[in-house]
């Protein structure tokens, strides 16, 4: 399992991505989640990106390099 993480200024993971070993970051084979935190750095929610059908998806169908451009619901 490949795992990628992008952290905020406090070290909290904003985006966490997972894919099979060997998958490049520009391939549409990633599961990506977005995390938000309150003022105490406590996790408040986890959201999934919208797929091409406009539905939240936890499937391995996204590009890690595009993580910030997705709409998370």
C-alpha atoms as a PDB file:
ATOM      1  CA  UNK A   1       0.000   0.000   0.000  1.00  0.00           C
ATOM      2  CA  UNK A   2       1.325   3.421  -0.990  1.00  0.00           C
ATOM      3  CA  UNK A   3       0.308   6.190   1.409  1.00  0.00           C
ATOM      4  CA  UNK A   4       0.634   9.935   0.876  1.00  0.00           C
ATOM      5  CA  UNK A   5      -0.188  12.722   3.310  1.00  0.00           C
ATOM      6  CA  UNK A   6      -0.341  16.494   3.044  1.00  0.00           C
ATOM      7  CA  UNK A   7      -0.287  18.231   6.426  1.00  0.00           C
ATOM      8  CA  UNK A   8      -1.435  21.665   7.548  1.00  0.00           C
ATOM      9  CA  UNK A   9       0.813  24.152   9.390  1.00  0.00           C
ATOM     10  CA  UNK A  10       0.096  22.378  12.708  1.00  0.00           C
ATOM     11  CA  UNK A  11       1.111  18.975  11.379  1.00  0.00           C
ATOM     12  CA  UNK A  12      -2.465  17.686  11.032  1.00  0.00           C
ATOM     13  CA  UNK A  13      -3.119  15.574   7.935  1.00  0.00           C
ATOM     14  CA  UNK A  14      -5.380  17.466   5.512  1.00  0.00           C
ATOM     15  CA  UNK A  15      -5.297  14.954   2.691  1.00  0.00           C
ATOM     16  CA  UNK A  16      -4.528  11.258   3.038  1.00  0.00           C
ATOM     17  CA  UNK A  17      -4.187   9.126  -0.072  1.00  0.00           C
ATOM     18  CA  UNK A  18      -3.811   5.385  -0.506  1.00  0.00           C
ATOM     19  CA  UNK A  19      -3.063   3.268  -3.568  1.00  0.00           C
ATOM     20  CA  UNK A  20      -1.519  -0.048  -4.522  1.00  0.00           C
ATOM     21  CA  UNK A  21       2.275  -0.193  -4.421  1.00  0.00           C
ATOM     22  CA  UNK A  22       3.830   1.192  -7.576  1.00  0.00           C
ATOM     23  CA  UNK A  23       0.964   3.505  -8.566  1.00  0.00           C
ATOM     24  CA  UNK A  24       2.264   6.906  -9.679  1.00  0.00           C
ATOM     25  CA  UNK A  25       0.868  10.065  -8.109  1.00  0.00           C
ATOM     26  CA  UNK A  26      -0.496  11.170 -11.503  1.00  0.00           C
ATOM     27  CA  UNK A  27      -2.529   7.982 -12.081  1.00  0.00           C
ATOM     28  CA  UNK A  28      -6.283   7.847 -11.346  1.00  0.00           C
ATOM     29  CA  UNK A  29      -5.914   4.964  -8.893  1.00  0.00           C
ATOM     30  CA  UNK A  30      -5.913   6.728  -5.515  1.00  0.00           C
ATOM     31  CA  UNK A  31      -8.380   6.812  -2.643  1.00  0.00           C
ATOM     32  CA  UNK A  32      -8.215  10.309  -1.161  1.00  0.00           C
ATOM     33  CA  UNK A  33      -9.825  11.760   1.966  1.00  0.00           C
ATOM     34  CA  UNK A  34      -9.913  15.357   3.203  1.00  0.00           C
ATOM     35  CA  UNK A  35      -9.808  16.090   6.959  1.00  0.00           C
ATOM     36  CA  UNK A  36     -10.794  19.257   8.848  1.00  0.00           C
ATOM     37  CA  UNK A  37      -9.945  20.298  12.403  1.00  0.00           C
ATOM     38  CA  UNK A  38     -11.306  22.687  15.011  1.00  0.00           C
ATOM     39  CA  UNK A  39      -9.330  25.293  16.974  1.00  0.00           C
ATOM     40  CA  UNK A  40      -8.089  22.587  19.373  1.00  0.00           C
ATOM     41  CA  UNK A  41      -6.655  20.541  16.486  1.00  0.00           C
ATOM     42  CA  UNK A  42      -9.365  17.931  16.994  1.00  0.00           C
ATOM     43  CA  UNK A  43     -10.646  16.185  13.878  1.00  0.00           C
ATOM     44  CA  UNK A  44     -14.128  17.489  13.050  1.00  0.00           C
ATOM     45  CA  UNK A  45     -14.863  15.671   9.806  1.00  0.00           C
ATOM     46  CA  UNK A  46     -13.561  13.512   7.002  1.00  0.00           C
ATOM     47  CA  UNK A  47     -14.859  14.037   3.466  1.00  0.00           C
ATOM     48  CA  UNK A  48     -14.502  12.169   0.192  1.00  0.00           C
ATOM     49  CA  UNK A  49     -14.048  13.662  -3.292  1.00  0.00           C
ATOM     50  CA  UNK A  50     -16.853  13.705  -5.838  1.00  0.00           C
ATOM     51  CA  UNK A  51     -16.447  11.252  -8.683  1.00  0.00           C
ATOM     52  CA  UNK A  52     -17.458  11.876 -12.304  1.00  0.00           C
ATOM     53  CA  UNK A  53     -21.096  11.119 -11.367  1.00  0.00           C
ATOM     54  CA  UNK A  54     -21.075  13.855  -8.704  1.00  0.00           C
ATOM     55  CA  UNK A  55     -21.189  11.408  -5.793  1.00  0.00           C
ATOM     56  CA  UNK A  56     -18.821  11.213  -2.833  1.00  0.00           C
ATOM     57  CA  UNK A  57     -16.515   8.283  -3.434  1.00  0.00           C
ATOM     58  CA  UNK A  58     -14.027   6.309  -1.349  1.00  0.00           C
ATOM     59  CA  UNK A  59     -13.043   4.264  -4.402  1.00  0.00           C
ATOM     60  CA  UNK A  60      -9.531   4.135  -5.823  1.00  0.00           C
ATOM     61  CA  UNK A  61     -10.314   6.381  -8.803  1.00  0.00           C
ATOM     62  CA  UNK A  62      -8.613   9.717  -8.127  1.00  0.00           C
ATOM     63  CA  UNK A  63      -5.267  11.347  -8.936  1.00  0.00           C
ATOM     64  CA  UNK A  64      -3.139  12.228  -5.903  1.00  0.00           C
ATOM     65  CA  UNK A  65      -1.563  15.160  -7.744  1.00  0.00           C
ATOM     66  CA  UNK A  66      -5.065  16.660  -8.240  1.00  0.00           C
ATOM     67  CA  UNK A  67      -6.196  16.296  -4.607  1.00  0.00           C
ATOM     68  CA  UNK A  68      -6.642  20.044  -3.961  1.00  0.00           C
ATOM     69  CA  UNK A  69      -8.805  20.511  -7.070  1.00  0.00           C
ATOM     70  CA  UNK A  70     -11.529  18.005  -6.125  1.00  0.00           C
ATOM     71  CA  UNK A  71     -14.819  18.917  -4.469  1.00  0.00           C
ATOM     72  CA  UNK A  72     -15.129  17.074  -1.159  1.00  0.00           C
ATOM     73  CA  UNK A  73     -18.557  16.172   0.227  1.00  0.00           C
END
